[in-house]
Amino acid sequence: MTYRAATESSFGRKIMAGHHHEYRAAVTWTGNRGTGTSGYRDYSRDHVISCEGKPDIPGSADPAFRGDAERWNPEDLLVASISACHKLWYLHFCAVNGVVVTAYEDHAEGTMVTDETGGGRFTDVVLRPRVTISAGDPERAQQLHDDAHEKCFIANSVNFPVRCEPVIILG
């Protein structure tokens, strides 16, 4: 496959191949109960994720790892990132292909396994978007999920399969 140095986006802007985008986030541990990490049960896994100009995200570990179930954990954020990236590409492709989306909801699910050392890895993520369209071809709406998957930055960055099981509703 041959790539051009620059391509025209559907928005009429030049997109340079190989252009770097940088993202910054600060994670601040807020779980010191007064004795730091003096013992495994002596500290909270709570933290705050912040990016300049955006609301903070309260974070913790998964409850299975002594975290707070009411706070976002890294595993939640990974699954949500894949789902959100897919959705953004999908809506883009629908807009430029005459498919009018009026509702989109995804109930994504990731599976992680742990090993004997306590470490682990994700084995897969399944996206289950339920998309309502008011205009356009439902078959084309279904196919555009493949295009979105091909372009999704996050799905292209992980080392496990990401599957998509969309449902298209004409309404």
N, C-alpha and C. Protein backbone atom coordinates (compact mmCIF):
# COMPACT_ATOMS: atom_id res chain seq x y z
N MET A 1 0.84 -1.17 0.00
CA MET A 1 0.00 0.00 0.00
C MET A 1 0.89 1.24 0.00
N THR A 2 0.55 2.20 -0.79
CA THR A 2 1.31 3.45 -0.90
C THR A 2 0.57 4.56 -0.17
N TYR A 3 1.30 5.30 0.65
CA TYR A 3 0.71 6.43 1.38
C TYR A 3 1.21 7.72 0.78
N ARG A 4 0.34 8.69 0.66
CA ARG A 4 0.74 10.02 0.22
C ARG A 4 1.23 10.82 1.42
N ALA A 5 2.07 11.79 1.16
CA ALA A 5 2.62 12.61 2.25
C ALA A 5 1.53 13.41 2.94
N ALA A 6 0.53 13.82 2.20
CA ALA A 6 -0.57 14.57 2.80
C ALA A 6 -1.85 14.13 2.12
N THR A 7 -2.92 14.06 2.89
CA THR A 7 -4.22 13.73 2.33
C THR A 7 -5.20 14.81 2.71
N GLU A 8 -6.26 14.92 1.96
CA GLU A 8 -7.31 15.90 2.24
C GLU A 8 -8.33 15.21 3.12
N SER A 9 -8.63 15.77 4.27
CA SER A 9 -9.66 15.20 5.11
C SER A 9 -11.02 15.58 4.53
N SER A 10 -12.05 14.93 5.02
CA SER A 10 -13.39 15.24 4.54
C SER A 10 -13.84 16.62 5.01
N PHE A 11 -13.07 17.25 5.88
CA PHE A 11 -13.38 18.59 6.35
C PHE A 11 -12.62 19.64 5.55
N GLY A 12 -11.86 19.22 4.53
CA GLY A 12 -11.15 20.15 3.68
C GLY A 12 -9.81 20.62 4.21
N ARG A 13 -9.33 20.04 5.32
CA ARG A 13 -8.03 20.42 5.86
C ARG A 13 -6.99 19.40 5.43
N LYS A 14 -5.77 19.86 5.27
CA LYS A 14 -4.67 18.94 4.96
C LYS A 14 -4.27 18.21 6.24
N ILE A 15 -4.11 16.90 6.12
CA ILE A 15 -3.63 16.10 7.23
C ILE A 15 -2.29 15.52 6.81
N MET A 16 -1.27 15.86 7.52
CA MET A 16 0.07 15.41 7.17
C MET A 16 0.31 14.01 7.74
N ALA A 17 0.74 13.10 6.87
CA ALA A 17 1.10 11.76 7.33
C ALA A 17 2.27 11.87 8.28
N GLY A 18 2.23 11.13 9.35
CA GLY A 18 3.32 11.13 10.31
C GLY A 18 3.30 12.28 11.29
N HIS A 19 2.27 13.13 11.24
CA HIS A 19 2.18 14.25 12.19
C HIS A 19 2.00 13.70 13.59
N HIS A 20 2.73 14.24 14.54
CA HIS A 20 2.67 13.76 15.92
C HIS A 20 1.68 14.58 16.73
N HIS A 21 0.89 13.91 17.52
CA HIS A 21 -0.02 14.54 18.47
C HIS A 21 0.44 14.11 19.85
N GLU A 22 0.52 15.03 20.76
CA GLU A 22 0.97 14.70 22.11
C GLU A 22 -0.15 14.96 23.10
N TYR A 23 -0.22 14.10 24.10
CA TYR A 23 -1.25 14.20 25.13
C TYR A 23 -0.56 14.13 26.48
N ARG A 24 -1.06 14.92 27.41
CA ARG A 24 -0.46 14.96 28.74
C ARG A 24 -1.56 14.77 29.78
N ALA A 25 -1.22 14.01 30.79
CA ALA A 25 -2.13 13.82 31.91
C ALA A 25 -1.30 13.76 33.19
N ALA A 26 -1.86 14.26 34.25
CA ALA A 26 -1.23 14.17 35.57
C ALA A 26 -2.06 13.21 36.41
N VAL A 27 -1.39 12.32 37.11
CA VAL A 27 -2.05 11.42 38.05
C VAL A 27 -1.45 11.72 39.42
N THR A 28 -2.30 12.16 40.34
CA THR A 28 -1.86 12.52 41.68
C THR A 28 -2.48 11.57 42.69
N TRP A 29 -1.64 10.85 43.41
CA TRP A 29 -2.11 9.92 44.42
C TRP A 29 -2.69 10.70 45.60
N THR A 30 -3.90 10.36 46.01
CA THR A 30 -4.57 11.04 47.11
C THR A 30 -4.87 10.08 48.26
N GLY A 31 -4.23 8.92 48.24
CA GLY A 31 -4.60 7.86 49.18
C GLY A 31 -3.71 7.68 50.38
N ASN A 32 -2.87 8.66 50.71
CA ASN A 32 -2.03 8.55 51.90
C ASN A 32 -2.91 8.77 53.13
N ARG A 33 -3.03 7.75 53.95
CA ARG A 33 -3.87 7.83 55.16
C ARG A 33 -3.06 8.28 56.38
N GLY A 34 -1.87 8.80 56.13
CA GLY A 34 -1.05 9.31 57.22
C GLY A 34 0.23 8.52 57.44
N THR A 35 0.28 7.30 56.94
CA THR A 35 1.49 6.49 57.11
C THR A 35 2.06 6.03 55.78
N GLY A 36 1.58 6.63 54.70
CA GLY A 36 2.08 6.26 53.38
C GLY A 36 1.85 4.79 53.07
N THR A 37 2.82 4.18 52.45
CA THR A 37 2.70 2.76 52.07
C THR A 37 3.42 1.88 53.10
N SER A 38 3.21 2.19 54.38
CA SER A 38 3.86 1.43 55.45
C SER A 38 3.38 -0.02 55.50
N GLY A 39 2.24 -0.30 54.94
CA GLY A 39 1.71 -1.66 54.86
C GLY A 39 0.72 -1.76 53.71
N TYR A 40 0.51 -2.97 53.22
CA TYR A 40 -0.35 -3.17 52.05
C TYR A 40 -1.76 -2.64 52.25
N ARG A 41 -2.29 -2.75 53.45
CA ARG A 41 -3.65 -2.31 53.75
C ARG A 41 -3.70 -0.90 54.35
N ASP A 42 -2.56 -0.26 54.43
CA ASP A 42 -2.47 1.03 55.12
C ASP A 42 -2.67 2.24 54.22
N TYR A 43 -2.92 2.03 52.96
CA TYR A 43 -3.08 3.16 52.04
C TYR A 43 -4.24 2.90 51.08
N SER A 44 -4.80 3.97 50.60
CA SER A 44 -5.88 3.91 49.61
C SER A 44 -5.26 3.95 48.22
N ARG A 45 -5.92 3.35 47.27
CA ARG A 45 -5.46 3.36 45.88
C ARG A 45 -5.99 4.59 45.13
N ASP A 46 -6.69 5.47 45.82
CA ASP A 46 -7.31 6.63 45.19
C ASP A 46 -6.29 7.59 44.59
N HIS A 47 -6.70 8.19 43.49
CA HIS A 47 -5.89 9.20 42.81
C HIS A 47 -6.83 10.10 42.01
N VAL A 48 -6.28 11.17 41.51
CA VAL A 48 -7.02 12.10 40.66
C VAL A 48 -6.26 12.21 39.34
N ILE A 49 -6.99 12.05 38.24
CA ILE A 49 -6.42 12.21 36.91
C ILE A 49 -6.81 13.60 36.43
N SER A 50 -5.83 14.37 35.98
CA SER A 50 -6.15 15.71 35.51
C SER A 50 -5.41 16.03 34.22
N CYS A 51 -6.09 16.80 33.41
CA CYS A 51 -5.53 17.35 32.18
C CYS A 51 -5.89 18.83 32.18
N GLU A 52 -4.96 19.65 31.78
CA GLU A 52 -5.17 21.10 31.81
C GLU A 52 -6.45 21.49 31.08
N GLY A 53 -7.28 22.27 31.76
CA GLY A 53 -8.49 22.80 31.15
C GLY A 53 -9.67 21.84 31.14
N LYS A 54 -9.55 20.69 31.81
CA LYS A 54 -10.64 19.70 31.81
C LYS A 54 -10.99 19.32 33.24
N PRO A 55 -12.21 18.83 33.46
CA PRO A 55 -12.57 18.39 34.81
C PRO A 55 -11.71 17.20 35.25
N ASP A 56 -11.41 17.14 36.53
CA ASP A 56 -10.66 16.02 37.07
C ASP A 56 -11.49 14.74 37.03
N ILE A 57 -10.79 13.62 36.98
CA ILE A 57 -11.43 12.30 37.01
C ILE A 57 -10.97 11.60 38.28
N PRO A 58 -11.91 11.23 39.17
CA PRO A 58 -11.52 10.50 40.37
C PRO A 58 -11.18 9.05 40.00
N GLY A 59 -9.99 8.62 40.39
CA GLY A 59 -9.55 7.28 40.03
C GLY A 59 -9.19 6.44 41.23
N SER A 60 -9.12 5.15 41.00
CA SER A 60 -8.72 4.19 42.02
C SER A 60 -8.35 2.90 41.30
N ALA A 61 -8.13 1.85 42.05
CA ALA A 61 -7.93 0.53 41.48
C ALA A 61 -9.29 -0.15 41.36
N ASP A 62 -9.33 -1.22 40.60
CA ASP A 62 -10.51 -2.08 40.57
C ASP A 62 -10.75 -2.58 41.99
N PRO A 63 -12.01 -2.74 42.42
CA PRO A 63 -12.27 -3.23 43.77
C PRO A 63 -11.58 -4.58 44.08
N ALA A 64 -11.36 -5.40 43.06
CA ALA A 64 -10.66 -6.67 43.26
C ALA A 64 -9.23 -6.45 43.74
N PHE A 65 -8.72 -5.24 43.53
CA PHE A 65 -7.34 -4.90 43.92
C PHE A 65 -7.33 -3.79 44.97
N ARG A 66 -8.33 -3.83 45.85
CA ARG A 66 -8.46 -2.92 46.99
C ARG A 66 -8.81 -1.49 46.58
N GLY A 67 -9.47 -1.35 45.44
CA GLY A 67 -9.86 -0.02 44.98
C GLY A 67 -11.28 0.34 45.38
N ASP A 68 -11.65 1.55 45.05
CA ASP A 68 -12.96 2.11 45.35
C ASP A 68 -13.86 1.94 44.13
N ALA A 69 -14.94 1.20 44.29
CA ALA A 69 -15.86 0.90 43.18
C ALA A 69 -16.55 2.14 42.62
N GLU A 70 -16.57 3.23 43.37
CA GLU A 70 -17.24 4.44 42.91
C GLU A 70 -16.33 5.35 42.08
N ARG A 71 -15.08 4.94 41.92
CA ARG A 71 -14.13 5.75 41.16
C ARG A 71 -13.71 4.98 39.91
N TRP A 72 -13.29 5.73 38.90
CA TRP A 72 -12.82 5.12 37.65
C TRP A 72 -11.51 4.39 37.89
N ASN A 73 -11.38 3.20 37.30
CA ASN A 73 -10.10 2.49 37.38
C ASN A 73 -9.47 2.43 35.99
N PRO A 74 -8.18 2.13 35.89
CA PRO A 74 -7.52 2.11 34.58
C PRO A 74 -8.18 1.16 33.59
N GLU A 75 -8.72 0.05 34.08
CA GLU A 75 -9.37 -0.91 33.19
C GLU A 75 -10.66 -0.32 32.60
N ASP A 76 -11.45 0.37 33.43
CA ASP A 76 -12.64 1.07 32.94
C ASP A 76 -12.26 2.06 31.85
N LEU A 77 -11.22 2.83 32.12
CA LEU A 77 -10.81 3.89 31.20
C LEU A 77 -10.29 3.33 29.88
N LEU A 78 -9.62 2.18 29.93
CA LEU A 78 -9.14 1.57 28.68
C LEU A 78 -10.31 1.15 27.81
N VAL A 79 -11.28 0.45 28.39
CA VAL A 79 -12.45 0.01 27.63
C VAL A 79 -13.23 1.22 27.11
N ALA A 80 -13.41 2.23 27.96
CA ALA A 80 -14.13 3.44 27.54
C ALA A 80 -13.39 4.18 26.43
N SER A 81 -12.06 4.20 26.48
CA SER A 81 -11.27 4.87 25.44
C SER A 81 -11.45 4.21 24.09
N ILE A 82 -11.44 2.89 24.07
CA ILE A 82 -11.63 2.17 22.81
C ILE A 82 -13.03 2.45 22.27
N SER A 83 -14.03 2.37 23.14
CA SER A 83 -15.41 2.61 22.73
C SER A 83 -15.61 4.03 22.20
N ALA A 84 -15.09 5.01 22.92
CA ALA A 84 -15.26 6.41 22.51
C ALA A 84 -14.55 6.71 21.20
N CYS A 85 -13.35 6.17 21.02
CA CYS A 85 -12.61 6.40 19.78
C CYS A 85 -13.36 5.81 18.59
N HIS A 86 -13.88 4.59 18.77
CA HIS A 86 -14.65 3.94 17.70
C HIS A 86 -15.87 4.79 17.35
N LYS A 87 -16.58 5.26 18.39
CA LYS A 87 -17.77 6.08 18.18
C LYS A 87 -17.46 7.34 17.40
N LEU A 88 -16.38 8.01 17.74
CA LEU A 88 -16.02 9.25 17.05
C LEU A 88 -15.74 9.01 15.57
N TRP A 89 -14.99 7.96 15.25
CA TRP A 89 -14.74 7.64 13.84
C TRP A 89 -16.03 7.22 13.15
N TYR A 90 -16.85 6.44 13.83
CA TYR A 90 -18.10 5.97 13.23
C TYR A 90 -19.00 7.15 12.86
N LEU A 91 -19.19 8.08 13.78
CA LEU A 91 -20.04 9.24 13.50
C LEU A 91 -19.47 10.05 12.35
N HIS A 92 -18.15 10.18 12.28
CA HIS A 92 -17.51 10.87 11.16
C HIS A 92 -17.87 10.19 9.84
N PHE A 93 -17.67 8.88 9.78
CA PHE A 93 -17.94 8.16 8.53
C PHE A 93 -19.43 8.22 8.16
N CYS A 94 -20.31 8.18 9.14
CA CYS A 94 -21.74 8.31 8.85
C CYS A 94 -22.04 9.69 8.27
N ALA A 95 -21.48 10.73 8.86
CA ALA A 95 -21.73 12.09 8.40
C ALA A 95 -21.29 12.28 6.95
N VAL A 96 -20.17 11.71 6.56
CA VAL A 96 -19.67 11.92 5.19
C VAL A 96 -20.23 10.90 4.20
N ASN A 97 -21.03 9.94 4.69
CA ASN A 97 -21.63 8.93 3.81
C ASN A 97 -23.15 8.99 3.78
N GLY A 98 -23.74 10.07 4.30
CA GLY A 98 -25.18 10.25 4.21
C GLY A 98 -25.99 9.36 5.13
N VAL A 99 -25.37 8.85 6.18
CA VAL A 99 -26.09 8.06 7.17
C VAL A 99 -26.33 8.97 8.37
N VAL A 100 -27.60 9.26 8.66
CA VAL A 100 -27.93 10.19 9.74
C VAL A 100 -28.17 9.41 11.03
N VAL A 101 -27.23 9.55 11.96
CA VAL A 101 -27.32 8.89 13.26
C VAL A 101 -28.05 9.82 14.21
N THR A 102 -29.07 9.30 14.88
CA THR A 102 -29.81 10.11 15.86
C THR A 102 -29.58 9.63 17.30
N ALA A 103 -29.02 8.44 17.46
CA ALA A 103 -28.70 7.93 18.80
C ALA A 103 -27.60 6.89 18.67
N TYR A 104 -26.73 6.85 19.68
CA TYR A 104 -25.62 5.90 19.69
C TYR A 104 -25.33 5.57 21.15
N GLU A 105 -25.35 4.30 21.47
CA GLU A 105 -25.02 3.86 22.82
C GLU A 105 -24.25 2.56 22.71
N ASP A 106 -23.13 2.49 23.40
CA ASP A 106 -22.30 1.29 23.36
C ASP A 106 -22.17 0.73 24.77
N HIS A 107 -22.34 -0.57 24.87
CA HIS A 107 -22.11 -1.28 26.13
C HIS A 107 -20.90 -2.18 25.91
N ALA A 108 -19.73 -1.56 25.92
CA ALA A 108 -18.48 -2.27 25.66
C ALA A 108 -18.08 -3.10 26.87
N GLU A 109 -17.35 -4.16 26.59
CA GLU A 109 -16.92 -5.06 27.66
C GLU A 109 -15.50 -5.55 27.37
N GLY A 110 -14.65 -5.45 28.36
CA GLY A 110 -13.28 -5.93 28.23
C GLY A 110 -13.05 -7.10 29.17
N THR A 111 -12.19 -8.01 28.74
CA THR A 111 -11.83 -9.16 29.57
C THR A 111 -10.35 -9.09 29.90
N MET A 112 -10.05 -9.17 31.19
CA MET A 112 -8.67 -9.17 31.64
C MET A 112 -8.44 -10.45 32.43
N VAL A 113 -7.29 -11.07 32.24
CA VAL A 113 -6.92 -12.25 33.01
C VAL A 113 -5.66 -11.94 33.80
N THR A 114 -5.58 -12.50 35.00
CA THR A 114 -4.38 -12.34 35.81
C THR A 114 -3.60 -13.64 35.78
N ASP A 115 -2.31 -13.53 36.05
CA ASP A 115 -1.47 -14.73 36.08
C ASP A 115 -1.02 -15.02 37.50
N GLU A 116 -0.21 -16.05 37.65
CA GLU A 116 0.21 -16.50 38.98
C GLU A 116 1.07 -15.47 39.71
N THR A 117 1.63 -14.51 39.01
CA THR A 117 2.45 -13.49 39.67
C THR A 117 1.62 -12.31 40.17
N GLY A 118 0.35 -12.27 39.80
CA GLY A 118 -0.51 -11.15 40.15
C GLY A 118 -0.63 -10.13 39.03
N GLY A 119 0.23 -10.26 38.01
CA GLY A 119 0.13 -9.40 36.84
C GLY A 119 -1.00 -9.89 35.94
N GLY A 120 -1.19 -9.25 34.84
CA GLY A 120 -2.25 -9.68 33.94
C GLY A 120 -2.25 -8.89 32.66
N ARG A 121 -3.25 -9.19 31.85
CA ARG A 121 -3.38 -8.50 30.57
C ARG A 121 -4.81 -8.63 30.08
N PHE A 122 -5.20 -7.69 29.23
CA PHE A 122 -6.49 -7.80 28.56
C PHE A 122 -6.37 -8.84 27.46
N THR A 123 -7.42 -9.63 27.31
CA THR A 123 -7.44 -10.63 26.23
C THR A 123 -8.32 -10.19 25.08
N ASP A 124 -9.29 -9.33 25.35
CA ASP A 124 -10.13 -8.80 24.27
C ASP A 124 -11.05 -7.71 24.80
N VAL A 125 -11.58 -6.95 23.86
CA VAL A 125 -12.64 -5.98 24.14
C VAL A 125 -13.70 -6.18 23.06
N VAL A 126 -14.96 -6.19 23.49
CA VAL A 126 -16.08 -6.31 22.56
C VAL A 126 -16.90 -5.03 22.66
N LEU A 127 -17.08 -4.37 21.52
CA LEU A 127 -17.94 -3.19 21.43
C LEU A 127 -19.31 -3.66 20.98
N ARG A 128 -20.35 -3.14 21.60
CA ARG A 128 -21.73 -3.50 21.25
C ARG A 128 -22.56 -2.24 21.03
N PRO A 129 -22.19 -1.46 20.01
CA PRO A 129 -22.94 -0.22 19.78
C PRO A 129 -24.34 -0.49 19.26
N ARG A 130 -25.27 0.25 19.80
CA ARG A 130 -26.67 0.22 19.36
C ARG A 130 -26.92 1.59 18.74
N VAL A 131 -27.09 1.61 17.42
CA VAL A 131 -27.13 2.85 16.66
C VAL A 131 -28.50 3.03 16.03
N THR A 132 -29.11 4.19 16.24
CA THR A 132 -30.37 4.52 15.58
C THR A 132 -30.07 5.50 14.46
N ILE A 133 -30.58 5.18 13.26
CA ILE A 133 -30.41 6.08 12.12
C ILE A 133 -31.78 6.52 11.62
N SER A 134 -31.87 7.76 11.13
CA SER A 134 -33.13 8.26 10.59
C SER A 134 -33.09 8.33 9.08
N ALA A 135 -31.90 8.29 8.52
CA ALA A 135 -31.76 8.33 7.06
C ALA A 135 -30.49 7.59 6.67
N GLY A 136 -30.54 7.00 5.49
CA GLY A 136 -29.39 6.27 4.99
C GLY A 136 -29.67 4.78 4.94
N ASP A 137 -28.75 4.07 4.37
CA ASP A 137 -28.85 2.63 4.17
C ASP A 137 -28.39 1.89 5.43
N PRO A 138 -29.26 1.08 6.05
CA PRO A 138 -28.85 0.33 7.24
C PRO A 138 -27.65 -0.59 7.00
N GLU A 139 -27.57 -1.17 5.80
CA GLU A 139 -26.41 -2.03 5.50
C GLU A 139 -25.13 -1.21 5.46
N ARG A 140 -25.20 -0.03 4.87
CA ARG A 140 -24.03 0.85 4.83
C ARG A 140 -23.68 1.29 6.24
N ALA A 141 -24.69 1.58 7.05
CA ALA A 141 -24.45 1.96 8.44
C ALA A 141 -23.70 0.85 9.17
N GLN A 142 -24.06 -0.37 8.89
CA GLN A 142 -23.38 -1.53 9.49
C GLN A 142 -21.92 -1.60 9.01
N GLN A 143 -21.71 -1.44 7.71
CA GLN A 143 -20.36 -1.54 7.13
C GLN A 143 -19.42 -0.44 7.64
N LEU A 144 -19.97 0.70 7.94
CA LEU A 144 -19.12 1.82 8.39
C LEU A 144 -18.43 1.52 9.73
N HIS A 145 -18.95 0.55 10.47
CA HIS A 145 -18.26 0.14 11.69
C HIS A 145 -16.90 -0.46 11.36
N ASP A 146 -16.79 -1.16 10.24
CA ASP A 146 -15.49 -1.70 9.82
C ASP A 146 -14.51 -0.57 9.52
N ASP A 147 -14.99 0.47 8.83
CA ASP A 147 -14.13 1.61 8.53
C ASP A 147 -13.68 2.30 9.82
N ALA A 148 -14.61 2.46 10.75
CA ALA A 148 -14.27 3.09 12.03
C ALA A 148 -13.22 2.27 12.77
N HIS A 149 -13.38 0.96 12.75
CA HIS A 149 -12.43 0.09 13.44
C HIS A 149 -11.03 0.21 12.83
N GLU A 150 -10.96 0.31 11.52
CA GLU A 150 -9.66 0.45 10.84
C GLU A 150 -8.94 1.73 11.25
N LYS A 151 -9.68 2.79 11.51
CA LYS A 151 -9.08 4.09 11.81
C LYS A 151 -8.89 4.36 13.30
N CYS A 152 -9.55 3.62 14.15
CA CYS A 152 -9.54 3.91 15.59
C CYS A 152 -8.11 3.87 16.15
N PHE A 153 -7.64 5.02 16.60
CA PHE A 153 -6.28 5.15 17.11
C PHE A 153 -6.03 4.21 18.30
N ILE A 154 -7.00 4.13 19.18
CA ILE A 154 -6.81 3.34 20.40
C ILE A 154 -6.82 1.85 20.07
N ALA A 155 -7.80 1.40 19.30
CA ALA A 155 -7.85 -0.02 18.92
C ALA A 155 -6.59 -0.44 18.17
N ASN A 156 -6.04 0.47 17.37
CA ASN A 156 -4.81 0.18 16.64
C ASN A 156 -3.58 0.16 17.54
N SER A 157 -3.72 0.59 18.77
CA SER A 157 -2.58 0.69 19.68
C SER A 157 -2.51 -0.43 20.71
N VAL A 158 -3.53 -1.25 20.79
CA VAL A 158 -3.54 -2.32 21.79
C VAL A 158 -3.10 -3.64 21.17
N ASN A 159 -2.67 -4.58 22.02
CA ASN A 159 -2.16 -5.85 21.52
C ASN A 159 -3.13 -7.02 21.76
N PHE A 160 -4.41 -6.70 21.77
CA PHE A 160 -5.43 -7.74 21.92
C PHE A 160 -6.55 -7.44 20.94
N PRO A 161 -7.36 -8.45 20.60
CA PRO A 161 -8.44 -8.23 19.63
C PRO A 161 -9.52 -7.30 20.17
N VAL A 162 -10.02 -6.46 19.28
CA VAL A 162 -11.19 -5.62 19.56
C VAL A 162 -12.23 -6.00 18.52
N ARG A 163 -13.36 -6.51 19.01
CA ARG A 163 -14.45 -6.91 18.11
C ARG A 163 -15.59 -5.91 18.23
N CYS A 164 -16.39 -5.84 17.18
CA CYS A 164 -17.53 -4.94 17.17
C CYS A 164 -18.77 -5.72 16.75
N GLU A 165 -19.80 -5.66 17.58
CA GLU A 165 -21.07 -6.36 17.32
C GLU A 165 -22.19 -5.32 17.31
N PRO A 166 -22.28 -4.53 16.24
CA PRO A 166 -23.26 -3.45 16.22
C PRO A 166 -24.68 -3.92 15.93
N VAL A 167 -25.62 -3.13 16.41
CA VAL A 167 -27.04 -3.29 16.07
C VAL A 167 -27.48 -1.96 15.48
N ILE A 168 -28.08 -2.01 14.28
CA ILE A 168 -28.55 -0.80 13.61
C ILE A 168 -30.07 -0.80 13.66
N ILE A 169 -30.64 0.32 14.11
CA ILE A 169 -32.09 0.47 14.22
C ILE A 169 -32.50 1.62 13.30
N LEU A 170 -33.45 1.37 12.43
CA LEU A 170 -33.99 2.42 11.57
C LEU A 170 -35.18 3.02 12.29
N GLY A 171 -35.07 4.28 12.69
CA GLY A 171 -36.14 4.86 13.48
C GLY A 171 -36.37 6.30 13.22
